[in-house]
Amino acid sequence: MLEAAGILVFALTGALVAARKGMDPFGFILLATVTGVGGGTLRDLLLDRGVFWVQNPLDVVLCSGVALVSWGIAYWRPGTLDGWAAKRLLIWADAAGLALFAVIGTLKGLSAGVPVLSAMALGAMTASFGGILRDILAGDRPLVLWSRDFYVTAAAAGAGATALLAGLGMQPAVVMIGGILAGFGLRAGSILFGWSFPNLPGSGSSAP
């Protein structure tokens, strides 16, 4: 259920970007699907296991459904998905997907028996890779490259909290909630309050 929620949330961010770019239905499906399953695909390849959506295409169907519903809204109500409110929704949905996938990727790594640090790296990559692909395909600057902005750092925080709580033997629900709160909380602080690393000497800030 947690992975399905993450896929749906990230698929929505892909569809929102497609709406902003004025893409056709297949463009919506492409961005939604790549964003929804991209991080998990990289995770499964690195773990040398069967890629989850190849074995069970339901995840691709879910991404396509989100894409087509979003395209219908964009077509019948122009401007609904590409205004200021939609941009804010994109940022917050991306933050939610980031937190969810950081936890999922870390737990998948731990369950596969990889070292803790490797599992945390898998969590951060699972959380970040789909959004990177989405932004590159859309011709945008990836969120991960925004100067000083907590993005991968937030994913790493979620992954680290997940690994720590799991290592302490906490209940699965506590592990998941703690990891999600750590990742989402740090990303939310960056969005709302500008939490970030300081500029390097002699450099300017290019964060939006």
N, C-alpha and C. Protein backbone atom coordinates (compact mmCIF):
# COMPACT_ATOMS: atom_id res chain seq x y z
N MET A 1 0.82 -1.22 0.00
CA MET A 1 0.00 0.00 0.00
C MET A 1 0.85 1.26 0.00
N LEU A 2 1.94 1.24 0.79
CA LEU A 2 2.79 2.42 0.87
C LEU A 2 3.44 2.71 -0.48
N GLU A 3 3.90 1.66 -1.15
CA GLU A 3 4.54 1.86 -2.45
C GLU A 3 3.53 2.34 -3.47
N ALA A 4 2.32 1.80 -3.45
CA ALA A 4 1.28 2.25 -4.38
C ALA A 4 0.97 3.73 -4.16
N ALA A 5 0.93 4.15 -2.90
CA ALA A 5 0.67 5.57 -2.60
C ALA A 5 1.78 6.45 -3.15
N GLY A 6 3.04 6.00 -2.96
CA GLY A 6 4.16 6.77 -3.50
C GLY A 6 4.13 6.87 -5.01
N ILE A 7 3.79 5.77 -5.67
CA ILE A 7 3.71 5.76 -7.13
C ILE A 7 2.63 6.72 -7.61
N LEU A 8 1.48 6.69 -6.97
CA LEU A 8 0.38 7.57 -7.38
C LEU A 8 0.74 9.04 -7.17
N VAL A 9 1.36 9.35 -6.05
CA VAL A 9 1.72 10.74 -5.77
C VAL A 9 2.75 11.24 -6.78
N PHE A 10 3.78 10.42 -7.04
CA PHE A 10 4.80 10.84 -7.99
C PHE A 10 4.25 10.88 -9.41
N ALA A 11 3.34 9.97 -9.75
CA ALA A 11 2.71 10.02 -11.07
C ALA A 11 1.95 11.32 -11.24
N LEU A 12 1.30 11.78 -10.17
CA LEU A 12 0.58 13.05 -10.23
C LEU A 12 1.54 14.20 -10.52
N THR A 13 2.73 14.18 -9.92
CA THR A 13 3.67 15.27 -10.20
C THR A 13 4.09 15.26 -11.67
N GLY A 14 4.26 14.05 -12.23
CA GLY A 14 4.59 13.98 -13.66
C GLY A 14 3.48 14.54 -14.52
N ALA A 15 2.23 14.22 -14.16
CA ALA A 15 1.09 14.73 -14.92
C ALA A 15 0.97 16.25 -14.80
N LEU A 16 1.27 16.79 -13.64
CA LEU A 16 1.21 18.24 -13.46
C LEU A 16 2.25 18.95 -14.32
N VAL A 17 3.43 18.36 -14.40
CA VAL A 17 4.46 18.94 -15.27
C VAL A 17 4.03 18.86 -16.73
N ALA A 18 3.44 17.73 -17.12
CA ALA A 18 2.95 17.59 -18.49
C ALA A 18 1.88 18.62 -18.80
N ALA A 19 1.01 18.91 -17.83
CA ALA A 19 -0.02 19.93 -18.04
C ALA A 19 0.61 21.30 -18.24
N ARG A 20 1.62 21.60 -17.45
CA ARG A 20 2.29 22.90 -17.57
C ARG A 20 2.97 23.04 -18.92
N LYS A 21 3.43 21.91 -19.48
CA LYS A 21 4.10 21.93 -20.78
C LYS A 21 3.12 21.82 -21.95
N GLY A 22 1.83 21.61 -21.66
CA GLY A 22 0.83 21.50 -22.72
C GLY A 22 0.98 20.25 -23.56
N MET A 23 1.35 19.14 -22.95
CA MET A 23 1.58 17.90 -23.70
C MET A 23 0.28 17.21 -24.09
N ASP A 24 0.39 16.26 -25.02
CA ASP A 24 -0.76 15.46 -25.42
C ASP A 24 -0.93 14.31 -24.42
N PRO A 25 -1.99 13.50 -24.57
CA PRO A 25 -2.22 12.42 -23.58
C PRO A 25 -1.05 11.47 -23.42
N PHE A 26 -0.33 11.18 -24.51
CA PHE A 26 0.79 10.26 -24.41
C PHE A 26 1.96 10.90 -23.67
N GLY A 27 2.10 12.21 -23.79
CA GLY A 27 3.10 12.91 -23.01
C GLY A 27 2.78 12.85 -21.53
N PHE A 28 1.50 12.99 -21.20
CA PHE A 28 1.06 12.85 -19.81
C PHE A 28 1.42 11.46 -19.29
N ILE A 29 1.09 10.43 -20.07
CA ILE A 29 1.35 9.06 -19.64
C ILE A 29 2.84 8.81 -19.46
N LEU A 30 3.64 9.32 -20.39
CA LEU A 30 5.09 9.12 -20.30
C LEU A 30 5.65 9.74 -19.03
N LEU A 31 5.34 11.01 -18.79
CA LEU A 31 5.91 11.69 -17.62
C LEU A 31 5.38 11.08 -16.32
N ALA A 32 4.09 10.76 -16.29
CA ALA A 32 3.52 10.19 -15.07
C ALA A 32 4.15 8.83 -14.77
N THR A 33 4.32 8.01 -15.80
CA THR A 33 4.86 6.67 -15.60
C THR A 33 6.33 6.70 -15.24
N VAL A 34 7.11 7.48 -15.96
CA VAL A 34 8.54 7.58 -15.67
C VAL A 34 8.77 8.09 -14.25
N THR A 35 7.98 9.08 -13.85
CA THR A 35 8.14 9.62 -12.50
C THR A 35 7.69 8.62 -11.44
N GLY A 36 6.59 7.94 -11.72
CA GLY A 36 6.04 7.02 -10.74
C GLY A 36 6.90 5.79 -10.50
N VAL A 37 7.50 5.24 -11.56
CA VAL A 37 8.23 3.97 -11.40
C VAL A 37 9.74 4.12 -11.59
N GLY A 38 10.22 5.32 -11.93
CA GLY A 38 11.64 5.48 -12.23
C GLY A 38 12.56 5.14 -11.08
N GLY A 39 12.25 5.67 -9.89
CA GLY A 39 13.11 5.41 -8.74
C GLY A 39 13.11 3.95 -8.34
N GLY A 40 11.95 3.33 -8.35
CA GLY A 40 11.86 1.90 -8.01
C GLY A 40 12.56 1.03 -9.02
N THR A 41 12.55 1.44 -10.29
CA THR A 41 13.25 0.69 -11.33
C THR A 41 14.75 0.67 -11.07
N LEU A 42 15.32 1.85 -10.77
CA LEU A 42 16.75 1.93 -10.45
C LEU A 42 17.07 1.08 -9.22
N ARG A 43 16.23 1.16 -8.21
CA ARG A 43 16.44 0.36 -6.99
C ARG A 43 16.49 -1.14 -7.29
N ASP A 44 15.51 -1.62 -8.04
CA ASP A 44 15.45 -3.05 -8.33
C ASP A 44 16.61 -3.51 -9.21
N LEU A 45 17.03 -2.66 -10.15
CA LEU A 45 18.17 -3.01 -10.98
C LEU A 45 19.44 -3.12 -10.15
N LEU A 46 19.63 -2.19 -9.21
CA LEU A 46 20.82 -2.22 -8.36
C LEU A 46 20.79 -3.42 -7.41
N LEU A 47 19.60 -3.82 -7.01
CA LEU A 47 19.48 -4.99 -6.14
C LEU A 47 19.52 -6.30 -6.93
N ASP A 48 19.61 -6.18 -8.26
CA ASP A 48 19.68 -7.35 -9.15
C ASP A 48 18.48 -8.27 -8.93
N ARG A 49 17.30 -7.65 -8.93
CA ARG A 49 16.07 -8.40 -8.77
C ARG A 49 15.12 -8.02 -9.90
N GLY A 50 14.05 -8.75 -10.06
CA GLY A 50 13.09 -8.42 -11.10
C GLY A 50 12.46 -7.05 -10.86
N VAL A 51 12.42 -6.24 -11.91
CA VAL A 51 11.84 -4.90 -11.78
C VAL A 51 10.35 -5.04 -11.51
N PHE A 52 9.89 -4.34 -10.48
CA PHE A 52 8.55 -4.58 -9.94
C PHE A 52 7.43 -4.38 -10.97
N TRP A 53 7.52 -3.35 -11.80
CA TRP A 53 6.42 -3.07 -12.71
C TRP A 53 6.45 -3.98 -13.94
N VAL A 54 7.59 -4.58 -14.22
CA VAL A 54 7.65 -5.56 -15.31
C VAL A 54 6.93 -6.83 -14.89
N GLN A 55 7.10 -7.21 -13.64
CA GLN A 55 6.45 -8.41 -13.12
C GLN A 55 4.96 -8.19 -12.87
N ASN A 56 4.60 -6.96 -12.50
CA ASN A 56 3.20 -6.64 -12.22
C ASN A 56 2.87 -5.28 -12.84
N PRO A 57 2.32 -5.27 -14.06
CA PRO A 57 2.08 -4.01 -14.78
C PRO A 57 0.98 -3.14 -14.19
N LEU A 58 0.37 -3.56 -13.08
CA LEU A 58 -0.68 -2.76 -12.47
C LEU A 58 -0.17 -1.37 -12.12
N ASP A 59 1.09 -1.26 -11.73
CA ASP A 59 1.65 0.05 -11.37
C ASP A 59 1.68 0.99 -12.57
N VAL A 60 1.98 0.45 -13.74
CA VAL A 60 1.96 1.26 -14.96
C VAL A 60 0.53 1.67 -15.30
N VAL A 61 -0.42 0.75 -15.07
CA VAL A 61 -1.83 1.07 -15.29
C VAL A 61 -2.27 2.21 -14.38
N LEU A 62 -1.84 2.17 -13.11
CA LEU A 62 -2.19 3.24 -12.17
C LEU A 62 -1.62 4.58 -12.63
N CYS A 63 -0.37 4.57 -13.05
CA CYS A 63 0.25 5.81 -13.53
C CYS A 63 -0.48 6.35 -14.75
N SER A 64 -0.85 5.45 -15.66
CA SER A 64 -1.57 5.86 -16.87
C SER A 64 -2.94 6.42 -16.52
N GLY A 65 -3.60 5.80 -15.53
CA GLY A 65 -4.90 6.31 -15.10
C GLY A 65 -4.80 7.71 -14.54
N VAL A 66 -3.80 7.95 -13.69
CA VAL A 66 -3.59 9.30 -13.15
C VAL A 66 -3.33 10.28 -14.28
N ALA A 67 -2.52 9.86 -15.26
CA ALA A 67 -2.18 10.72 -16.38
C ALA A 67 -3.41 11.09 -17.21
N LEU A 68 -4.24 10.12 -17.51
CA LEU A 68 -5.40 10.38 -18.37
C LEU A 68 -6.46 11.22 -17.66
N VAL A 69 -6.65 10.97 -16.37
CA VAL A 69 -7.58 11.82 -15.60
C VAL A 69 -7.07 13.26 -15.57
N SER A 70 -5.77 13.41 -15.35
CA SER A 70 -5.18 14.75 -15.32
C SER A 70 -5.30 15.43 -16.68
N TRP A 71 -5.06 14.67 -17.75
CA TRP A 71 -5.19 15.25 -19.09
C TRP A 71 -6.63 15.68 -19.34
N GLY A 72 -7.60 14.87 -18.91
CA GLY A 72 -9.00 15.24 -19.08
C GLY A 72 -9.33 16.53 -18.37
N ILE A 73 -8.82 16.69 -17.15
CA ILE A 73 -9.06 17.94 -16.41
C ILE A 73 -8.42 19.11 -17.13
N ALA A 74 -7.17 18.91 -17.59
CA ALA A 74 -6.47 19.99 -18.29
C ALA A 74 -7.16 20.35 -19.60
N TYR A 75 -7.75 19.36 -20.27
CA TYR A 75 -8.40 19.60 -21.56
C TYR A 75 -9.76 20.30 -21.37
N TRP A 76 -10.55 19.80 -20.43
CA TRP A 76 -11.90 20.34 -20.27
C TRP A 76 -11.92 21.61 -19.43
N ARG A 77 -10.92 21.80 -18.60
CA ARG A 77 -10.84 23.01 -17.79
C ARG A 77 -9.46 23.61 -17.93
N PRO A 78 -9.20 24.25 -19.06
CA PRO A 78 -7.86 24.80 -19.32
C PRO A 78 -7.40 25.73 -18.20
N GLY A 79 -6.14 25.60 -17.85
CA GLY A 79 -5.56 26.45 -16.81
C GLY A 79 -5.65 25.88 -15.42
N THR A 80 -6.47 24.84 -15.24
CA THR A 80 -6.67 24.28 -13.90
C THR A 80 -5.38 23.68 -13.35
N LEU A 81 -4.61 23.01 -14.21
CA LEU A 81 -3.43 22.29 -13.75
C LEU A 81 -2.11 22.99 -14.07
N ASP A 82 -2.16 24.23 -14.50
CA ASP A 82 -0.90 24.90 -14.78
C ASP A 82 -0.83 26.30 -14.17
N GLY A 83 -1.68 26.58 -13.21
CA GLY A 83 -1.64 27.87 -12.53
C GLY A 83 -0.79 27.82 -11.27
N TRP A 84 -0.90 28.88 -10.48
CA TRP A 84 -0.11 28.99 -9.25
C TRP A 84 -0.45 27.86 -8.29
N ALA A 85 -1.74 27.57 -8.12
CA ALA A 85 -2.14 26.51 -7.19
C ALA A 85 -1.58 25.16 -7.63
N ALA A 86 -1.57 24.91 -8.93
CA ALA A 86 -1.03 23.64 -9.43
C ALA A 86 0.48 23.56 -9.19
N LYS A 87 1.17 24.68 -9.30
CA LYS A 87 2.61 24.67 -9.04
C LYS A 87 2.89 24.35 -7.57
N ARG A 88 2.07 24.90 -6.68
CA ARG A 88 2.23 24.59 -5.26
C ARG A 88 1.90 23.12 -5.00
N LEU A 89 0.87 22.62 -5.67
CA LEU A 89 0.53 21.20 -5.52
C LEU A 89 1.67 20.32 -5.99
N LEU A 90 2.32 20.71 -7.09
CA LEU A 90 3.45 19.96 -7.60
C LEU A 90 4.56 19.87 -6.57
N ILE A 91 4.88 21.00 -5.95
CA ILE A 91 5.97 21.04 -4.97
C ILE A 91 5.65 20.15 -3.77
N TRP A 92 4.41 20.24 -3.27
CA TRP A 92 4.06 19.48 -2.08
C TRP A 92 3.85 17.99 -2.40
N ALA A 93 3.29 17.69 -3.55
CA ALA A 93 3.15 16.28 -3.93
C ALA A 93 4.53 15.65 -4.13
N ASP A 94 5.45 16.41 -4.69
CA ASP A 94 6.81 15.92 -4.87
C ASP A 94 7.46 15.65 -3.52
N ALA A 95 7.21 16.53 -2.55
CA ALA A 95 7.77 16.34 -1.20
C ALA A 95 7.20 15.08 -0.56
N ALA A 96 5.90 14.86 -0.74
CA ALA A 96 5.27 13.66 -0.18
C ALA A 96 5.83 12.40 -0.84
N GLY A 97 5.95 12.41 -2.17
CA GLY A 97 6.50 11.26 -2.88
C GLY A 97 7.94 11.00 -2.48
N LEU A 98 8.69 12.06 -2.30
CA LEU A 98 10.09 11.93 -1.88
C LEU A 98 10.18 11.19 -0.55
N ALA A 99 9.36 11.60 0.42
CA ALA A 99 9.40 10.97 1.74
C ALA A 99 8.95 9.51 1.68
N LEU A 100 7.88 9.25 0.94
CA LEU A 100 7.38 7.88 0.84
C LEU A 100 8.42 6.95 0.21
N PHE A 101 9.03 7.38 -0.89
CA PHE A 101 9.96 6.51 -1.59
C PHE A 101 11.28 6.37 -0.85
N ALA A 102 11.67 7.37 -0.04
CA ALA A 102 12.88 7.22 0.77
C ALA A 102 12.71 6.07 1.76
N VAL A 103 11.53 5.99 2.35
CA VAL A 103 11.23 4.91 3.29
C VAL A 103 11.15 3.57 2.55
N ILE A 104 10.41 3.55 1.44
CA ILE A 104 10.23 2.31 0.70
C ILE A 104 11.57 1.75 0.22
N GLY A 105 12.39 2.60 -0.38
CA GLY A 105 13.66 2.15 -0.91
C GLY A 105 14.58 1.61 0.18
N THR A 106 14.59 2.28 1.32
CA THR A 106 15.43 1.82 2.44
C THR A 106 14.96 0.46 2.96
N LEU A 107 13.66 0.32 3.15
CA LEU A 107 13.12 -0.95 3.65
C LEU A 107 13.36 -2.09 2.66
N LYS A 108 13.24 -1.80 1.36
CA LYS A 108 13.52 -2.83 0.35
C LYS A 108 14.98 -3.26 0.42
N GLY A 109 15.87 -2.28 0.60
CA GLY A 109 17.28 -2.61 0.71
C GLY A 109 17.58 -3.44 1.94
N LEU A 110 16.99 -3.06 3.09
CA LEU A 110 17.21 -3.81 4.32
C LEU A 110 16.66 -5.23 4.20
N SER A 111 15.49 -5.36 3.58
CA SER A 111 14.90 -6.70 3.44
C SER A 111 15.71 -7.58 2.50
N ALA A 112 16.48 -6.94 1.58
CA ALA A 112 17.33 -7.71 0.66
C ALA A 112 18.66 -8.09 1.30
N GLY A 113 18.90 -7.59 2.52
CA GLY A 113 20.11 -7.97 3.24
C GLY A 113 21.34 -7.16 2.91
N VAL A 114 21.18 -5.99 2.28
CA VAL A 114 22.35 -5.17 1.97
C VAL A 114 22.78 -4.42 3.23
N PRO A 115 24.02 -3.93 3.30
CA PRO A 115 24.46 -3.15 4.46
C PRO A 115 23.58 -1.91 4.67
N VAL A 116 23.55 -1.43 5.90
CA VAL A 116 22.66 -0.31 6.25
C VAL A 116 22.93 0.92 5.40
N LEU A 117 24.20 1.27 5.22
CA LEU A 117 24.51 2.45 4.43
C LEU A 117 24.07 2.28 2.98
N SER A 118 24.19 1.08 2.46
CA SER A 118 23.74 0.81 1.09
C SER A 118 22.21 0.94 1.01
N ALA A 119 21.52 0.45 2.03
CA ALA A 119 20.07 0.56 2.06
C ALA A 119 19.64 2.03 2.10
N MET A 120 20.35 2.84 2.87
CA MET A 120 20.03 4.28 2.92
C MET A 120 20.26 4.94 1.57
N ALA A 121 21.37 4.56 0.90
CA ALA A 121 21.64 5.11 -0.42
C ALA A 121 20.55 4.72 -1.40
N LEU A 122 20.10 3.47 -1.31
CA LEU A 122 19.00 3.02 -2.17
C LEU A 122 17.73 3.82 -1.90
N GLY A 123 17.47 4.12 -0.63
CA GLY A 123 16.30 4.93 -0.29
C GLY A 123 16.37 6.31 -0.90
N ALA A 124 17.54 6.95 -0.79
CA ALA A 124 17.69 8.29 -1.35
C ALA A 124 17.57 8.27 -2.87
N MET A 125 18.13 7.26 -3.51
CA MET A 125 18.04 7.17 -4.97
C MET A 125 16.62 6.86 -5.43
N THR A 126 15.95 5.98 -4.71
CA THR A 126 14.56 5.67 -5.04
C THR A 126 13.70 6.93 -4.97
N ALA A 127 13.97 7.76 -3.98
CA ALA A 127 13.19 8.98 -3.77
C ALA A 127 13.47 10.06 -4.81
N SER A 128 14.68 10.06 -5.35
CA SER A 128 15.11 11.18 -6.19
C SER A 128 15.05 10.92 -7.69
N PHE A 129 15.26 9.66 -8.09
CA PHE A 129 15.53 9.39 -9.51
C PHE A 129 14.32 9.64 -10.40
N GLY A 130 13.13 9.29 -9.95
CA GLY A 130 11.96 9.52 -10.79
C GLY A 130 11.74 10.99 -11.08
N GLY A 131 11.92 11.84 -10.05
CA GLY A 131 11.76 13.27 -10.25
C GLY A 131 12.83 13.85 -11.17
N ILE A 132 14.03 13.31 -11.08
CA ILE A 132 15.11 13.76 -11.97
C ILE A 132 14.75 13.45 -13.42
N LEU A 133 14.30 12.21 -13.67
CA LEU A 133 13.90 11.84 -15.03
C LEU A 133 12.75 12.72 -15.53
N ARG A 134 11.77 12.96 -14.67
CA ARG A 134 10.63 13.81 -15.04
C ARG A 134 11.09 15.19 -15.50
N ASP A 135 11.95 15.81 -14.72
CA ASP A 135 12.38 17.17 -15.04
C ASP A 135 13.25 17.22 -16.28
N ILE A 136 14.11 16.22 -16.45
CA ILE A 136 14.96 16.18 -17.64
C ILE A 136 14.11 16.02 -18.90
N LEU A 137 13.16 15.08 -18.88
CA LEU A 137 12.32 14.85 -20.05
C LEU A 137 11.45 16.06 -20.36
N ALA A 138 11.08 16.82 -19.33
CA ALA A 138 10.25 18.00 -19.53
C ALA A 138 11.08 19.23 -19.90
N GLY A 139 12.40 19.10 -19.90
CA GLY A 139 13.26 20.22 -20.25
C GLY A 139 13.42 21.21 -19.12
N ASP A 140 13.20 20.77 -17.88
CA ASP A 140 13.34 21.65 -16.72
C ASP A 140 14.63 21.32 -15.98
N ARG A 141 15.03 22.26 -15.13
CA ARG A 141 16.15 22.01 -14.25
C ARG A 141 15.68 21.11 -13.12
N PRO A 142 16.31 19.93 -12.93
CA PRO A 142 15.87 19.02 -11.88
C PRO A 142 15.86 19.68 -10.51
N LEU A 143 14.83 19.39 -9.72
CA LEU A 143 14.73 19.94 -8.37
C LEU A 143 15.97 19.61 -7.54
N VAL A 144 16.57 18.46 -7.80
CA VAL A 144 17.72 18.04 -7.03
C VAL A 144 18.90 18.99 -7.22
N LEU A 145 18.90 19.74 -8.32
CA LEU A 145 20.02 20.64 -8.61
C LEU A 145 19.76 22.08 -8.17
N TRP A 146 18.61 22.32 -7.56
CA TRP A 146 18.36 23.67 -7.05
C TRP A 146 19.39 23.99 -5.98
N SER A 147 20.02 25.14 -6.10
CA SER A 147 21.10 25.49 -5.20
C SER A 147 20.64 25.49 -3.75
N ARG A 148 21.37 24.76 -2.89
CA ARG A 148 21.22 24.74 -1.44
C ARG A 148 19.92 24.13 -0.96
N ASP A 149 18.96 23.93 -1.83
CA ASP A 149 17.64 23.47 -1.41
C ASP A 149 17.73 22.05 -0.87
N PHE A 150 17.08 21.77 0.26
CA PHE A 150 17.08 20.42 0.82
C PHE A 150 16.18 19.52 -0.02
N TYR A 151 16.78 18.67 -0.79
CA TYR A 151 16.02 17.71 -1.61
C TYR A 151 16.59 16.31 -1.38
N VAL A 152 17.75 16.04 -1.93
CA VAL A 152 18.39 14.76 -1.64
C VAL A 152 18.68 14.66 -0.15
N THR A 153 19.01 15.79 0.47
CA THR A 153 19.25 15.80 1.92
C THR A 153 18.00 15.34 2.67
N ALA A 154 16.83 15.78 2.24
CA ALA A 154 15.58 15.35 2.87
C ALA A 154 15.35 13.87 2.65
N ALA A 155 15.64 13.40 1.43
CA ALA A 155 15.51 11.97 1.15
C ALA A 155 16.46 11.16 2.02
N ALA A 156 17.69 11.65 2.18
CA ALA A 156 18.66 10.96 3.02
C ALA A 156 18.22 10.95 4.48
N ALA A 157 17.61 12.04 4.93
CA ALA A 157 17.11 12.09 6.31
C ALA A 157 16.01 11.05 6.52
N GLY A 158 15.09 10.95 5.57
CA GLY A 158 14.05 9.94 5.67
C GLY A 158 14.61 8.53 5.66
N ALA A 159 15.59 8.30 4.78
CA ALA A 159 16.22 6.99 4.70
C ALA A 159 16.98 6.67 5.99
N GLY A 160 17.70 7.66 6.51
CA GLY A 160 18.46 7.45 7.73
C GLY A 160 17.57 7.15 8.92
N ALA A 161 16.47 7.91 9.04
CA ALA A 161 15.54 7.67 10.15
C ALA A 161 14.92 6.29 10.04
N THR A 162 14.60 5.88 8.83
CA THR A 162 14.03 4.55 8.62
C THR A 162 15.00 3.46 9.05
N ALA A 163 16.25 3.58 8.61
CA ALA A 163 17.26 2.58 8.96
C ALA A 163 17.51 2.56 10.47
N LEU A 164 17.55 3.73 11.09
CA LEU A 164 17.80 3.80 12.53
C LEU A 164 16.67 3.14 13.31
N LEU A 165 15.44 3.49 12.98
CA LEU A 165 14.30 2.94 13.71
C LEU A 165 14.17 1.43 13.48
N ALA A 166 14.45 1.01 12.26
CA ALA A 166 14.42 -0.44 11.98
C ALA A 166 15.51 -1.16 12.77
N GLY A 167 16.69 -0.55 12.85
CA GLY A 167 17.79 -1.14 13.59
C GLY A 167 17.51 -1.22 15.08
N LEU A 168 16.69 -0.31 15.59
CA LEU A 168 16.33 -0.32 17.00
C LEU A 168 15.21 -1.31 17.30
N GLY A 169 14.71 -1.96 16.25
CA GLY A 169 13.68 -2.97 16.45
C GLY A 169 12.29 -2.41 16.65
N MET A 170 12.04 -1.19 16.17
CA MET A 170 10.72 -0.59 16.32
C MET A 170 9.69 -1.32 15.46
N GLN A 171 8.44 -1.14 15.82
CA GLN A 171 7.35 -1.73 15.04
C GLN A 171 7.35 -1.16 13.63
N PRO A 172 6.95 -1.96 12.63
CA PRO A 172 6.97 -1.48 11.24
C PRO A 172 6.23 -0.16 11.04
N ALA A 173 5.09 0.03 11.70
CA ALA A 173 4.34 1.29 11.54
C ALA A 173 5.15 2.47 12.07
N VAL A 174 5.85 2.27 13.18
CA VAL A 174 6.68 3.34 13.75
C VAL A 174 7.83 3.66 12.82
N VAL A 175 8.43 2.62 12.25
CA VAL A 175 9.54 2.82 11.31
C VAL A 175 9.09 3.64 10.11
N MET A 176 7.95 3.27 9.54
CA MET A 176 7.46 3.98 8.35
C MET A 176 7.07 5.42 8.67
N ILE A 177 6.33 5.61 9.74
CA ILE A 177 5.90 6.96 10.10
C ILE A 177 7.09 7.84 10.44
N GLY A 178 8.03 7.30 11.21
CA GLY A 178 9.21 8.08 11.57
C GLY A 178 10.02 8.49 10.36
N GLY A 179 10.21 7.56 9.42
CA GLY A 179 10.96 7.89 8.22
C GLY A 179 10.26 8.92 7.36
N ILE A 180 8.95 8.77 7.21
CA ILE A 180 8.19 9.73 6.41
C ILE A 180 8.23 11.12 7.04
N LEU A 181 8.06 11.20 8.35
CA LEU A 181 8.08 12.49 9.03
C LEU A 181 9.44 13.17 8.91
N ALA A 182 10.51 12.38 9.00
CA ALA A 182 11.85 12.96 8.89
C ALA A 182 12.09 13.53 7.49
N GLY A 183 11.76 12.75 6.47
CA GLY A 183 11.99 13.21 5.10
C GLY A 183 11.07 14.36 4.72
N PHE A 184 9.78 14.19 4.99
CA PHE A 184 8.82 15.23 4.62
C PHE A 184 9.03 16.49 5.44
N GLY A 185 9.34 16.32 6.72
CA GLY A 185 9.53 17.48 7.58
C GLY A 185 10.69 18.35 7.13
N LEU A 186 11.80 17.73 6.76
CA LEU A 186 12.96 18.52 6.31
C LEU A 186 12.67 19.19 4.98
N ARG A 187 12.01 18.48 4.09
CA ARG A 187 11.66 19.09 2.79
C ARG A 187 10.66 20.22 2.99
N ALA A 188 9.67 20.02 3.87
CA ALA A 188 8.69 21.07 4.14
C ALA A 188 9.35 22.30 4.74
N GLY A 189 10.31 22.10 5.64
CA GLY A 189 11.01 23.23 6.21
C GLY A 189 11.78 24.02 5.17
N SER A 190 12.34 23.30 4.19
CA SER A 190 13.05 23.98 3.11
C SER A 190 12.09 24.80 2.25
N ILE A 191 10.90 24.24 1.99
CA ILE A 191 9.91 24.94 1.16
C ILE A 191 9.33 26.15 1.89
N LEU A 192 8.95 25.95 3.14
CA LEU A 192 8.23 26.99 3.88
C LEU A 192 9.15 28.04 4.49
N PHE A 193 10.28 27.59 5.01
CA PHE A 193 11.12 28.49 5.80
C PHE A 193 12.50 28.73 5.19
N GLY A 194 12.73 28.14 4.03
CA GLY A 194 14.01 28.35 3.37
C GLY A 194 15.18 27.65 4.02
N TRP A 195 14.92 26.58 4.77
CA TRP A 195 16.03 25.84 5.36
C TRP A 195 16.95 25.35 4.25
N SER A 196 18.23 25.57 4.43
CA SER A 196 19.17 25.19 3.38
C SER A 196 20.58 25.25 3.92
N PHE A 197 21.51 24.73 3.15
CA PHE A 197 22.91 24.88 3.48
C PHE A 197 23.36 26.30 3.10
N PRO A 198 24.37 26.83 3.77
CA PRO A 198 24.85 28.16 3.39
C PRO A 198 25.52 28.14 2.03
N ASN A 199 25.54 29.32 1.39
CA ASN A 199 26.24 29.43 0.11
C ASN A 199 27.72 29.17 0.27
N LEU A 200 28.31 28.59 -0.74
CA LEU A 200 29.76 28.49 -0.77
C LEU A 200 30.35 29.89 -0.93
N PRO A 201 31.53 30.15 -0.38
CA PRO A 201 32.16 31.47 -0.54
C PRO A 201 32.28 31.86 -2.01
N GLY A 202 31.83 33.05 -2.33
CA GLY A 202 31.96 33.55 -3.68
C GLY A 202 30.88 33.10 -4.63
N SER A 203 29.91 32.31 -4.13
CA SER A 203 28.85 31.83 -5.02
C SER A 203 27.55 32.53 -4.67
N GLY A 204 26.67 32.61 -5.67
CA GLY A 204 25.36 33.21 -5.45
C GLY A 204 24.32 32.15 -5.36
N SER A 205 23.16 32.50 -4.82
CA SER A 205 22.07 31.53 -4.71
C SER A 205 21.26 31.55 -5.98
N SER A 206 20.98 30.36 -6.52
CA SER A 206 20.14 30.27 -7.71
C SER A 206 18.85 29.52 -7.41
N ALA A 207 18.57 29.33 -6.11
CA ALA A 207 17.34 28.65 -5.76
C ALA A 207 16.14 29.51 -6.07
N PRO A 208 15.07 28.94 -6.62
CA PRO A 208 13.90 29.74 -6.97
C PRO A 208 13.14 30.18 -5.73
